[in-house]
Amino acid sequence: MDAKQGRTTMKAEQVNYRVIKTLRPTDRGALSLAQRYGSALVCVRHRTDGKGKFRHTTVELLIESTPIRPRAIKLVNVRTAPHERDLNAMIKTAGGIWDYKLRIWKLPRRIATLLNLRARIVEV
């Protein structure tokens, strides 16, 4: 315990902390930390330990920013019968592309899974 300021330094243990307040860097109560950490400061949080005996002040800092590279969309081939007009219309509405030569639908795997068409996926 720091006798001058009456503060206790605790090690981070397996304690369930509960957030009681979140402050933006421009809010009163976070200004001194904003001066200390500058533009890297995202927010300041006040938390209590599981027993409610201590209040902890934490900061969230921006360390690095990198662009997000989108994943390549994996297209799959889905076979349907010509008489399944409702199913074909649903696939077309979901963004499916009809391949006239192979007579199959091409659509993203994620969409095929959402439409419950995994059993109809074929390799060409």
Protein backbone atom coordinates (compact mmCIF):
# COMPACT_ATOMS: atom_id res chain seq x y z
CA MET A 1 0.00 0.00 0.00
CA ASP A 2 1.33 3.43 -0.95
CA ALA A 3 1.13 5.39 2.32
CA LYS A 4 1.25 8.81 0.67
CA GLN A 5 -1.74 8.35 -1.59
CA GLY A 6 -3.59 5.49 0.12
CA ARG A 7 -3.46 3.32 -3.00
CA THR A 8 -2.88 -0.40 -3.24
CA THR A 9 -0.95 -1.93 -6.09
CA MET A 10 -2.50 -5.27 -7.02
CA LYS A 11 -1.34 -7.91 -9.44
CA ALA A 12 -3.80 -8.86 -12.15
CA GLU A 13 -5.20 -12.17 -10.97
CA GLN A 14 -8.14 -14.32 -11.98
CA VAL A 15 -10.62 -11.77 -10.70
CA ASN A 16 -13.93 -10.90 -12.28
CA TYR A 17 -13.77 -7.18 -12.88
CA ARG A 18 -16.96 -5.26 -13.50
CA VAL A 19 -16.85 -2.09 -15.59
CA ILE A 20 -18.65 0.69 -13.76
CA LYS A 21 -17.71 3.64 -15.98
CA THR A 22 -16.14 4.22 -19.41
CA LEU A 23 -14.75 7.63 -20.26
CA ARG A 24 -13.68 9.11 -23.59
CA PRO A 25 -10.31 10.90 -23.65
CA THR A 26 -12.12 14.26 -23.72
CA ASP A 27 -14.31 13.53 -20.67
CA ARG A 28 -13.65 15.06 -17.28
CA GLY A 29 -11.72 12.52 -15.25
CA ALA A 30 -9.73 11.29 -18.26
CA LEU A 31 -8.01 14.53 -19.26
CA SER A 32 -4.84 13.91 -17.24
CA LEU A 33 -4.50 10.45 -18.79
CA ALA A 34 -5.15 11.95 -22.24
CA GLN A 35 -2.22 14.31 -21.66
CA ARG A 36 -0.08 11.40 -20.53
CA TYR A 37 -0.88 8.98 -23.39
CA GLY A 38 -1.75 11.47 -26.14
CA SER A 39 -3.68 10.44 -29.24
CA ALA A 40 -3.06 6.74 -28.50
CA LEU A 41 -5.64 6.84 -25.69
CA VAL A 42 -8.92 5.25 -26.78
CA CYS A 43 -10.78 5.22 -23.47
CA VAL A 44 -10.44 5.05 -19.69
CA ARG A 45 -12.40 2.51 -17.68
CA HIS A 46 -13.14 2.31 -13.99
CA ARG A 47 -13.64 -1.26 -12.79
CA THR A 48 -14.35 -2.91 -9.48
CA ASP A 49 -13.05 -6.25 -8.34
CA GLY A 50 -15.43 -9.15 -7.73
CA LYS A 51 -15.92 -8.22 -4.08
CA GLY A 52 -16.43 -4.50 -4.74
CA LYS A 53 -13.60 -3.48 -2.43
CA PHE A 54 -11.25 -1.90 -4.96
CA ARG A 55 -11.72 0.44 -7.89
CA HIS A 56 -9.21 0.00 -10.71
CA THR A 57 -8.53 2.53 -13.43
CA THR A 58 -7.55 1.02 -16.78
CA VAL A 59 -6.70 2.58 -20.11
CA GLU A 60 -7.20 1.28 -23.62
CA LEU A 61 -4.41 2.33 -25.98
CA LEU A 62 -4.26 2.20 -29.75
CA ILE A 63 -1.01 0.37 -30.52
CA GLU A 64 -1.18 -0.30 -34.27
CA SER A 65 -3.49 0.22 -37.23
CA THR A 66 -3.31 -2.03 -40.25
CA PRO A 67 -5.64 -2.28 -43.23
CA ILE A 68 -7.97 -5.27 -43.35
CA ARG A 69 -7.55 -7.50 -46.35
CA PRO A 70 -10.84 -9.13 -47.23
CA ARG A 71 -10.82 -12.88 -47.67
CA ALA A 72 -11.11 -14.28 -51.14
CA ILE A 73 -14.66 -15.42 -51.73
CA LYS A 74 -14.71 -19.17 -52.32
CA LEU A 75 -17.26 -20.02 -55.00
CA VAL A 76 -18.84 -23.46 -55.08
CA ASN A 77 -20.88 -25.24 -57.75
CA VAL A 78 -24.44 -26.16 -56.85
CA ARG A 79 -26.52 -28.46 -59.00
CA THR A 80 -30.29 -28.13 -59.18
CA ALA A 81 -32.90 -29.66 -61.43
CA PRO A 82 -34.70 -27.49 -64.03
CA HIS A 83 -38.11 -28.16 -62.44
CA GLU A 84 -36.97 -26.69 -59.07
CA ARG A 85 -38.01 -23.19 -60.08
CA ASP A 86 -38.48 -21.85 -56.56
CA LEU A 87 -35.03 -23.06 -55.51
CA ASN A 88 -33.43 -21.65 -58.67
CA ALA A 89 -35.13 -18.29 -58.07
CA MET A 90 -33.92 -18.28 -54.46
CA ILE A 91 -30.32 -18.99 -55.55
CA LYS A 92 -30.51 -16.25 -58.18
CA THR A 93 -31.87 -13.78 -55.61
CA ALA A 94 -29.02 -14.69 -53.24
CA GLY A 95 -26.48 -13.73 -55.92
CA GLY A 96 -25.95 -17.06 -57.64
CA ILE A 97 -24.55 -17.03 -61.18
CA TRP A 98 -25.85 -19.56 -63.71
CA ASP A 99 -23.13 -21.29 -65.76
CA TYR A 100 -24.81 -22.21 -69.06
CA LYS A 101 -22.04 -24.54 -70.23
CA LEU A 102 -21.87 -26.64 -67.06
CA ARG A 103 -25.58 -26.16 -66.20
CA ILE A 104 -24.83 -25.40 -62.53
CA TRP A 105 -25.09 -22.44 -60.19
CA LYS A 106 -21.96 -20.73 -58.82
CA LEU A 107 -22.31 -18.99 -55.48
CA PRO A 108 -20.23 -18.29 -52.38
CA ARG A 109 -19.84 -21.25 -50.02
CA ARG A 110 -21.19 -19.19 -47.13
CA ILE A 111 -24.42 -18.48 -49.03
CA ALA A 112 -24.76 -22.14 -50.04
CA THR A 113 -24.44 -23.10 -46.38
CA LEU A 114 -27.01 -20.50 -45.28
CA LEU A 115 -29.46 -21.78 -47.89
CA ASN A 116 -28.87 -25.37 -46.70
CA LEU A 117 -27.47 -26.46 -50.08
CA ARG A 118 -24.26 -28.16 -48.95
CA ALA A 119 -25.52 -31.57 -50.05
CA ARG A 120 -25.95 -30.19 -53.60
CA ILE A 121 -22.37 -28.90 -53.94
CA VAL A 122 -20.55 -30.69 -56.76
CA GLU A 123 -16.95 -30.69 -57.99
CA VAL A 124 -16.49 -29.95 -61.67
